[in-house]
N, C-alpha and C. Protein backbone atom coordinates (compact mmCIF):
# COMPACT_ATOMS: atom_id res chain seq x y z
N MET A 1 74.97 62.14 123.66
CA MET A 1 75.79 62.82 123.64
C MET A 1 77.11 61.65 123.13
N PRO A 2 78.09 62.51 122.54
CA PRO A 2 79.44 61.83 122.21
C PRO A 2 80.21 61.14 122.94
N ALA A 3 80.67 60.00 122.95
CA ALA A 3 81.40 59.71 123.93
C ALA A 3 82.93 60.98 123.60
N ALA A 4 83.72 60.85 125.22
CA ALA A 4 84.52 62.18 124.77
C ALA A 4 85.94 61.16 124.32
N PRO A 5 86.92 62.34 123.69
CA PRO A 5 87.95 61.37 122.91
C PRO A 5 88.82 61.12 123.90
N PRO A 6 89.77 60.13 123.26
CA PRO A 6 90.78 59.83 124.25
C PRO A 6 91.68 60.55 124.30
N GLU A 7 92.37 60.21 125.47
CA GLU A 7 93.32 61.33 126.21
C GLU A 7 94.46 61.66 125.13
N GLN A 8 94.75 62.63 124.83
CA GLN A 8 95.97 62.94 123.61
C GLN A 8 97.42 63.10 124.90
N ASN A 9 98.17 62.31 124.69
CA ASN A 9 99.45 62.49 124.95
C ASN A 9 100.58 62.64 124.06
N GLY A 10 100.10 62.18 122.92
CA GLY A 10 101.27 62.92 122.04
C GLY A 10 102.16 61.53 121.59
N LYS A 11 101.49 60.34 122.34
CA LYS A 11 102.54 59.07 122.25
C LYS A 11 102.53 57.96 121.32
N LYS A 12 100.99 57.74 122.05
CA LYS A 12 100.70 56.40 121.29
C LYS A 12 98.79 56.46 120.89
N SER A 13 98.51 55.70 119.74
CA SER A 13 97.11 55.81 119.33
C SER A 13 96.33 54.91 120.42
N ALA A 14 95.24 55.42 120.54
CA ALA A 14 94.28 54.73 121.89
C ALA A 14 93.27 54.11 120.89
N HIS A 15 93.33 53.59 119.11
CA HIS A 15 92.54 53.13 118.72
C HIS A 15 92.83 51.58 118.81
N PRO A 16 91.59 50.78 118.75
CA PRO A 16 91.87 49.39 119.13
C PRO A 16 92.18 48.71 117.74
N ARG A 17 91.78 49.15 116.82
CA ARG A 17 91.81 48.46 115.62
C ARG A 17 93.12 48.36 115.05
N PHE A 18 94.52 48.99 115.56
CA PHE A 18 95.31 49.05 115.04
C PHE A 18 96.34 48.34 116.16
N ASP A 19 95.95 47.21 116.06
CA ASP A 19 97.21 46.15 117.04
C ASP A 19 98.56 46.03 116.44
N SER A 20 99.54 46.17 116.80
CA SER A 20 101.39 45.73 116.45
C SER A 20 100.98 44.78 116.24
N THR A 21 100.35 43.44 116.94
CA THR A 21 100.38 42.02 116.97
C THR A 21 99.76 41.22 115.89
N GLU A 22 98.95 42.02 114.88
CA GLU A 22 98.27 41.64 114.35
C GLU A 22 98.86 42.25 113.05
N GLU A 23 99.33 43.45 112.54
CA GLU A 23 99.86 44.00 111.64
C GLU A 23 100.78 44.81 111.85
N PRO A 24 101.96 43.77 111.83
CA PRO A 24 103.25 44.40 112.13
C PRO A 24 104.03 45.58 111.09
N HIS A 25 103.39 45.70 109.99
CA HIS A 25 103.47 46.76 108.88
C HIS A 25 103.08 48.16 109.30
N LYS A 26 102.43 48.19 110.16
CA LYS A 26 101.17 49.51 110.36
C LYS A 26 102.41 50.16 111.76
N CYS A 27 102.58 51.67 111.54
CA CYS A 27 103.40 52.16 112.77
C CYS A 27 101.93 52.72 113.51
N GLU A 28 102.54 52.89 114.70
CA GLU A 28 101.60 54.04 115.65
C GLU A 28 101.46 55.07 115.45
N VAL A 29 100.34 55.92 115.17
CA VAL A 29 100.42 57.29 114.91
C VAL A 29 99.75 57.61 116.13
N SER A 30 100.27 59.07 116.48
CA SER A 30 99.81 59.72 117.32
C SER A 30 98.53 60.36 117.13
N ASP A 31 97.50 60.39 118.34
CA ASP A 31 96.51 61.32 118.09
C ASP A 31 96.31 62.52 117.06
N GLN A 32 97.29 63.48 117.92
CA GLN A 32 97.28 64.62 117.30
C GLN A 32 97.53 64.51 116.26
N ILE A 33 98.28 63.69 115.21
CA ILE A 33 98.58 63.88 113.69
C ILE A 33 97.18 63.51 113.49
N THR A 34 96.66 62.63 114.03
CA THR A 34 95.57 62.07 113.39
C THR A 34 94.36 63.37 113.50
N ASP A 35 94.22 63.90 114.42
CA ASP A 35 93.22 64.78 114.55
C ASP A 35 93.58 66.21 113.99
N CYS A 36 94.98 66.37 113.83
CA CYS A 36 95.19 67.30 112.57
C CYS A 36 94.94 67.27 110.97
N VAL A 37 94.94 66.10 111.01
CA VAL A 37 94.81 65.47 109.26
C VAL A 37 93.27 65.57 109.21
N ALA A 38 92.56 65.15 110.24
CA ALA A 38 91.28 65.37 110.45
C ALA A 38 90.53 66.63 110.25
N LEU A 39 90.65 67.41 111.01
CA LEU A 39 90.77 69.05 110.96
C LEU A 39 91.01 69.59 109.99
N THR A 40 91.79 69.27 109.18
CA THR A 40 92.67 69.78 107.90
C THR A 40 91.51 69.62 106.82
N ASN A 41 90.99 67.89 106.61
CA ASN A 41 89.97 67.89 105.92
C ASN A 41 88.85 68.30 105.84
N VAL A 42 88.41 68.50 107.13
CA VAL A 42 86.88 68.94 107.67
C VAL A 42 86.93 70.15 107.29
N ALA A 43 88.30 71.34 107.08
CA ALA A 43 88.01 72.78 106.87
C ALA A 43 88.32 73.28 105.39
N THR A 44 89.22 71.90 104.68
CA THR A 44 89.02 72.06 103.27
C THR A 44 87.59 71.64 102.74
N LEU A 45 86.68 70.91 103.52
CA LEU A 45 85.68 70.79 102.97
C LEU A 45 84.37 71.58 103.22
N GLY A 46 84.61 72.38 104.30
CA GLY A 46 83.44 72.69 104.90
C GLY A 46 83.90 74.27 103.82
N SER A 47 85.37 74.67 103.58
CA SER A 47 85.21 76.09 103.21
C SER A 47 84.71 76.12 101.59
N GLY A 48 84.14 75.13 101.09
CA GLY A 48 84.09 74.62 99.68
C GLY A 48 82.48 75.88 99.33
N PRO A 49 81.54 75.47 99.91
CA PRO A 49 80.46 76.35 99.55
C PRO A 49 80.35 77.77 100.25
N GLY A 50 81.39 78.49 101.01
CA GLY A 50 82.11 79.52 100.87
C GLY A 50 82.46 80.17 99.75
N TYR A 51 83.90 79.25 98.84
CA TYR A 51 84.48 80.17 97.78
C TYR A 51 83.38 79.95 96.68
N ALA A 52 82.57 79.16 96.89
CA ALA A 52 81.57 78.96 95.78
C ALA A 52 80.51 80.36 96.01
N ALA A 53 80.37 80.73 97.01
CA ALA A 53 79.38 81.87 97.13
C ALA A 53 80.26 82.86 96.88
N LEU A 54 81.69 83.38 97.49
CA LEU A 54 82.11 84.08 96.84
C LEU A 54 82.35 84.16 95.44
N GLN A 55 82.63 83.03 94.60
CA GLN A 55 82.69 83.47 93.33
C GLN A 55 81.85 84.00 92.26
N SER A 56 80.13 83.79 93.01
CA SER A 56 79.01 83.86 92.56
C SER A 56 79.34 85.60 92.69
N MET A 57 79.53 85.67 93.89
CA MET A 57 79.21 87.26 94.01
C MET A 57 80.07 88.05 93.11
N LEU A 58 81.09 87.56 93.28
CA LEU A 58 82.19 88.29 92.04
C LEU A 58 81.69 88.41 91.11
N GLY A 59 81.25 87.44 90.51
CA GLY A 59 80.68 87.40 89.07
C GLY A 59 79.41 88.38 88.61
N GLN A 60 78.71 88.48 89.61
CA GLN A 60 77.31 89.27 89.92
C GLN A 60 77.97 91.38 90.13
N THR A 61 78.94 91.03 90.75
CA THR A 61 79.91 92.55 90.77
C THR A 61 80.84 93.06 89.28
N GLN A 62 81.00 91.95 88.92
CA GLN A 62 82.25 92.45 87.52
C GLN A 62 80.88 92.52 86.55
N SER A 63 79.69 91.70 86.51
CA SER A 63 78.74 91.94 85.23
C SER A 63 78.16 93.36 85.69
N GLN A 64 77.35 93.72 86.99
CA GLN A 64 77.30 95.00 87.27
C GLN A 64 78.37 96.38 86.84
N ASN A 65 79.47 96.04 87.05
CA ASN A 65 80.56 97.22 86.56
C ASN A 65 80.44 97.44 85.08
N ILE A 66 80.11 96.20 84.29
CA ILE A 66 80.27 96.29 83.07
C ILE A 66 78.91 96.95 82.65
N LEU A 67 77.92 96.54 83.26
CA LEU A 67 76.43 97.10 83.18
C LEU A 67 76.51 98.94 82.95
N MET A 68 77.22 99.21 84.46
CA MET A 68 77.07 100.68 84.36
C MET A 68 78.11 101.09 83.59
N ALA A 69 79.15 100.84 83.22
CA ALA A 69 80.07 101.57 82.08
C ALA A 69 79.53 101.35 80.68
N ASN A 70 78.52 100.66 80.38
CA ASN A 70 77.97 100.84 79.37
C ASN A 70 76.84 101.67 79.22
N MET A 71 76.24 101.82 80.62
CA MET A 71 75.27 102.56 80.81
C MET A 71 75.74 104.17 80.26
N VAL A 72 76.97 104.10 81.28
CA VAL A 72 77.82 105.44 80.65
C VAL A 72 77.74 105.86 79.56
N SER A 73 78.37 104.93 78.82
CA SER A 73 79.20 105.06 77.51
C SER A 73 77.88 105.66 76.62
N ALA A 74 76.79 104.83 76.59
CA ALA A 74 75.21 105.32 75.97
C ALA A 74 75.02 106.52 76.76
N GLN A 75 74.86 107.16 77.44
CA GLN A 75 74.80 108.29 77.88
C GLN A 75 75.32 109.49 77.36
N LYS A 76 77.00 108.59 77.01
CA LYS A 76 77.51 109.97 76.62
C LYS A 76 77.53 110.12 75.51
N GLN A 77 77.12 109.16 74.43
CA GLN A 77 76.77 108.81 73.23
C GLN A 77 75.60 110.02 72.90
N ASN A 78 74.27 109.77 73.72
CA ASN A 78 73.27 110.28 73.41
C ASN A 78 73.45 111.91 73.66
N ALA A 79 74.42 112.19 74.40
CA ALA A 79 74.47 113.61 74.93
C ALA A 79 75.16 114.25 73.58
N MET A 80 75.97 113.75 72.85
CA MET A 80 76.86 114.13 71.86
C MET A 80 75.58 114.24 70.65
N ILE A 81 74.68 113.34 70.31
CA ILE A 81 73.92 113.29 69.13
C ILE A 81 73.16 114.51 69.64
N GLY A 82 72.81 114.53 70.68
CA GLY A 82 71.43 115.69 71.46
C GLY A 82 72.32 116.89 70.80
N MET A 83 73.65 117.01 71.26
CA MET A 83 74.14 118.39 71.23
C MET A 83 74.59 118.65 69.80
N THR A 84 74.92 117.66 68.52
CA THR A 84 74.54 117.99 67.08
C THR A 84 73.70 117.96 66.97
N THR A 85 72.73 117.46 66.96
CA THR A 85 71.44 117.96 66.57
C THR A 85 71.19 118.95 66.53
N MET A 86 71.21 119.40 68.01
CA MET A 86 70.46 120.90 68.31
C MET A 86 71.79 122.00 67.61
N THR A 87 73.26 121.51 67.29
CA THR A 87 74.14 122.75 66.66
C THR A 87 73.57 122.45 65.07
N GLN A 88 73.12 121.63 64.64
CA GLN A 88 72.68 121.52 63.05
C GLN A 88 71.02 122.50 63.27
N SER A 89 70.49 122.48 63.76
CA SER A 89 68.80 122.87 63.71
C SER A 89 69.47 123.91 64.04
N VAL A 90 70.20 124.80 64.73
CA VAL A 90 70.40 126.40 65.14
C VAL A 90 70.91 126.62 63.75
N LEU A 91 72.14 126.09 63.26
CA LEU A 91 72.46 126.30 61.56
C LEU A 91 71.73 126.70 60.79
N GLN A 92 70.67 125.70 60.74
CA GLN A 92 69.63 125.67 60.02
C GLN A 92 68.76 126.79 59.63
N MET A 93 68.50 127.24 61.19
CA MET A 93 67.47 128.19 61.30
C MET A 93 68.42 129.32 61.29
N MET A 94 69.44 129.65 61.53
CA MET A 94 70.02 131.40 61.08
C MET A 94 70.28 130.84 59.56
N ASN A 95 70.53 130.23 58.99
CA ASN A 95 70.92 130.27 57.07
C ASN A 95 69.52 130.47 56.62
N ARG A 96 67.98 130.78 57.28
CA ARG A 96 67.05 130.68 56.66
C ARG A 96 67.30 132.20 56.32
N GLY A 97 66.49 132.65 55.09
CA GLY A 97 66.37 133.87 54.82
C GLY A 97 64.93 134.48 55.63
N ASN A 98 65.04 135.67 55.81
CA ASN A 98 63.69 136.40 55.85
C ASN A 98 62.86 136.68 55.21
N LYS A 99 62.08 136.23 54.71
CA LYS A 99 60.89 136.35 54.09
C LYS A 99 59.86 137.33 54.14
């Protein structure tokens, strides 16, 4: 089980590696700020797979929409060709003379 995080009072970092006597140019950073930055980075990294799946699903949906539109267009063209063929056949039968 991991150790409990240090108490956050918003005043001073509890990390021992930043000692102000060894590195005077370093500023003390509140634990609340470092936790906020860490959570933001984790949230950004964690949302990557979700966005990738979303883009994949959107691409699939768009391709299915195009497929359906093409199917409807082909059905309409076939219906018009059938109607034209039937009309021409009826005209030829009507123009035949009785022998």
